[in-house]
N, C-alpha and C. Protein backbone atom coordinates (compact mmCIF):
# COMPACT_ATOMS: atom_id res chain seq x y z
N UNK A 1 -9.03 12.23 37.64
CA UNK A 1 -8.20 10.93 38.23
C UNK A 1 -6.92 11.50 38.35
N UNK A 2 -6.32 11.00 39.29
CA UNK A 2 -4.92 11.23 39.45
C UNK A 2 -4.28 10.50 38.44
N UNK A 3 -2.75 10.94 38.23
CA UNK A 3 -1.96 10.06 37.13
C UNK A 3 -1.49 9.09 37.89
N UNK A 4 -1.68 7.92 37.66
CA UNK A 4 -1.00 6.94 38.51
C UNK A 4 -0.37 5.97 37.47
N UNK A 5 0.50 5.34 37.93
CA UNK A 5 1.23 4.30 36.94
C UNK A 5 0.42 3.17 36.80
N UNK A 6 0.55 2.48 35.79
CA UNK A 6 -0.10 1.14 35.26
C UNK A 6 -0.12 0.10 36.44
N UNK A 7 0.88 -0.04 37.10
CA UNK A 7 1.18 -1.16 37.87
C UNK A 7 0.27 -0.64 39.61
N UNK A 8 0.12 0.63 39.87
CA UNK A 8 -0.60 1.16 40.69
C UNK A 8 -2.15 0.79 40.42
N UNK A 9 -2.68 1.00 39.17
CA UNK A 9 -4.06 1.02 38.76
C UNK A 9 -4.24 -0.81 39.03
N UNK A 10 -3.38 -1.73 38.40
CA UNK A 10 -3.42 -2.82 38.49
C UNK A 10 -3.43 -3.52 40.12
N UNK A 11 -2.75 -2.74 40.77
CA UNK A 11 -2.85 -2.96 42.27
C UNK A 11 -4.23 -2.48 42.74
N UNK A 12 -4.54 -1.43 42.68
CA UNK A 12 -5.80 -0.90 43.04
C UNK A 12 -7.17 -1.81 42.50
N UNK A 13 -6.94 -2.20 41.29
CA UNK A 13 -8.05 -3.01 40.53
C UNK A 13 -8.17 -4.30 41.45
N UNK A 14 -6.93 -4.72 41.72
CA UNK A 14 -6.76 -6.18 42.46
C UNK A 14 -7.23 -6.09 43.95
N UNK A 15 -6.80 -5.06 44.46
CA UNK A 15 -7.29 -4.87 46.02
C UNK A 15 -8.76 -4.70 46.18
N UNK A 16 -9.46 -3.71 45.23
CA UNK A 16 -10.67 -3.84 45.10
C UNK A 16 -11.67 -5.06 44.90
N UNK A 17 -11.24 -6.08 44.06
CA UNK A 17 -11.99 -7.21 43.94
C UNK A 17 -11.41 -7.99 45.29
N UNK A 18 -10.48 -8.08 45.65
CA UNK A 18 -10.19 -9.05 46.84
C UNK A 18 -10.93 -8.49 48.07
N UNK A 19 -11.07 -7.08 48.41
CA UNK A 19 -12.05 -6.69 49.24
C UNK A 19 -13.46 -7.29 48.94
N UNK A 20 -14.05 -7.19 47.57
CA UNK A 20 -15.50 -7.59 47.40
C UNK A 20 -15.61 -8.93 47.65
N UNK A 21 -14.43 -9.98 47.24
CA UNK A 21 -14.56 -11.32 47.35
C UNK A 21 -14.67 -11.66 48.97
N UNK A 22 -13.73 -11.06 49.70
CA UNK A 22 -13.72 -11.20 51.05
C UNK A 22 -15.04 -11.05 51.72
N UNK A 23 -15.49 -9.77 51.32
CA UNK A 23 -17.07 -9.33 52.15
C UNK A 23 -18.05 -10.45 51.56
N UNK A 24 -17.95 -10.78 50.30
CA UNK A 24 -18.84 -12.08 49.95
C UNK A 24 -18.72 -13.24 50.67
N UNK A 25 -17.54 -13.45 51.00
CA UNK A 25 -17.38 -14.91 51.67
C UNK A 25 -17.84 -14.47 53.24
N UNK A 26 -17.51 -13.30 53.91
CA UNK A 26 -18.02 -13.05 55.30
C UNK A 26 -19.69 -13.15 55.41
N UNK A 27 -20.09 -12.64 54.27
CA UNK A 27 -21.57 -12.40 54.13
C UNK A 27 -22.18 -13.97 54.20
N UNK A 28 -21.65 -14.69 53.26
CA UNK A 28 -22.01 -16.13 53.11
C UNK A 28 -21.65 -16.93 54.26
N UNK A 29 -20.67 -16.76 54.83
CA UNK A 29 -20.38 -17.43 55.99
C UNK A 29 -20.95 -17.13 57.42
N UNK A 30 -21.58 -15.86 57.34
CA UNK A 30 -22.38 -15.59 58.34
C UNK A 30 -23.83 -15.98 58.23
N UNK A 31 -24.33 -15.89 57.09
CA UNK A 31 -25.68 -16.62 56.71
C UNK A 31 -25.86 -18.19 57.02
N UNK A 32 -24.52 -18.83 56.71
CA UNK A 32 -24.30 -20.16 56.86
C UNK A 32 -24.25 -20.45 58.32
N UNK A 33 -23.28 -19.78 59.13
CA UNK A 33 -23.62 -20.25 60.62
C UNK A 33 -24.95 -19.86 61.19
N UNK A 34 -25.55 -18.80 60.59
CA UNK A 34 -26.81 -18.47 61.19
C UNK A 34 -27.75 -19.66 60.88
N UNK A 35 -27.84 -20.24 59.49
CA UNK A 35 -28.66 -21.39 59.04
C UNK A 35 -28.38 -22.68 60.22
N UNK A 36 -27.16 -22.81 60.46
CA UNK A 36 -26.74 -24.03 61.06
C UNK A 36 -27.07 -23.81 62.64
N UNK A 37 -27.22 -22.62 63.06
CA UNK A 37 -27.67 -22.38 64.53
C UNK A 37 -28.99 -22.51 64.48
N UNK A 38 -29.69 -21.97 63.62
CA UNK A 38 -31.44 -22.33 63.39
C UNK A 38 -31.57 -23.54 63.39
N UNK A 39 -30.86 -24.50 62.61
CA UNK A 39 -31.40 -25.83 62.20
C UNK A 39 -30.95 -26.66 63.66
N UNK A 40 -29.96 -26.54 64.45
CA UNK A 40 -29.59 -27.06 65.51
C UNK A 40 -30.26 -26.54 66.67
N UNK A 41 -31.13 -25.96 66.71
CA UNK A 41 -31.88 -25.26 67.75
C UNK A 41 -32.44 -26.06 68.79
N UNK A 42 -32.95 -27.09 68.44
CA UNK A 42 -33.70 -28.04 69.18
C UNK A 42 -32.94 -28.78 69.80
N UNK A 43 -31.36 -29.09 69.53
CA UNK A 43 -30.61 -30.07 70.35
C UNK A 43 -29.77 -29.22 71.38
N UNK A 44 -29.69 -29.81 72.61
CA UNK A 44 -29.15 -29.45 73.75
C UNK A 44 -27.40 -29.41 73.59
N UNK A 45 -27.12 -28.21 73.16
CA UNK A 45 -25.61 -28.22 72.89
C UNK A 45 -25.09 -27.37 74.19
N UNK A 46 -24.08 -28.38 74.86
CA UNK A 46 -23.48 -27.61 75.71
C UNK A 46 -22.39 -26.84 75.37
N UNK A 47 -22.72 -25.60 76.37
CA UNK A 47 -21.63 -24.25 75.84
C UNK A 47 -20.31 -24.27 77.02
N UNK A 48 -19.28 -24.59 76.48
CA UNK A 48 -18.03 -24.62 77.25
C UNK A 48 -17.48 -23.18 77.44
N UNK A 49 -17.81 -22.02 76.86
CA UNK A 49 -17.33 -20.88 77.28
C UNK A 49 -18.29 -20.42 78.13
N UNK A 50 -17.61 -19.72 79.50
CA UNK A 50 -18.43 -19.02 80.40
C UNK A 50 -18.36 -17.63 80.19
N UNK A 51 -18.75 -17.16 78.99
CA UNK A 51 -18.64 -15.50 78.79
C UNK A 51 -19.96 -14.63 79.71
N UNK A 52 -21.03 -15.25 80.00
CA UNK A 52 -22.22 -14.75 80.62
C UNK A 52 -22.05 -14.78 82.39
């Protein structure tokens, strides 16, 4: 292990947990949006974006 100052270890520790929390939120948001899309599948939703 490299010799880092205590402040650097604290920053690394906090960055690691921030990344873990952000990834968890993104996974949760993705599953939530997929659930909402599946639930409203029968409704006729007009797409206002002309991407295709």
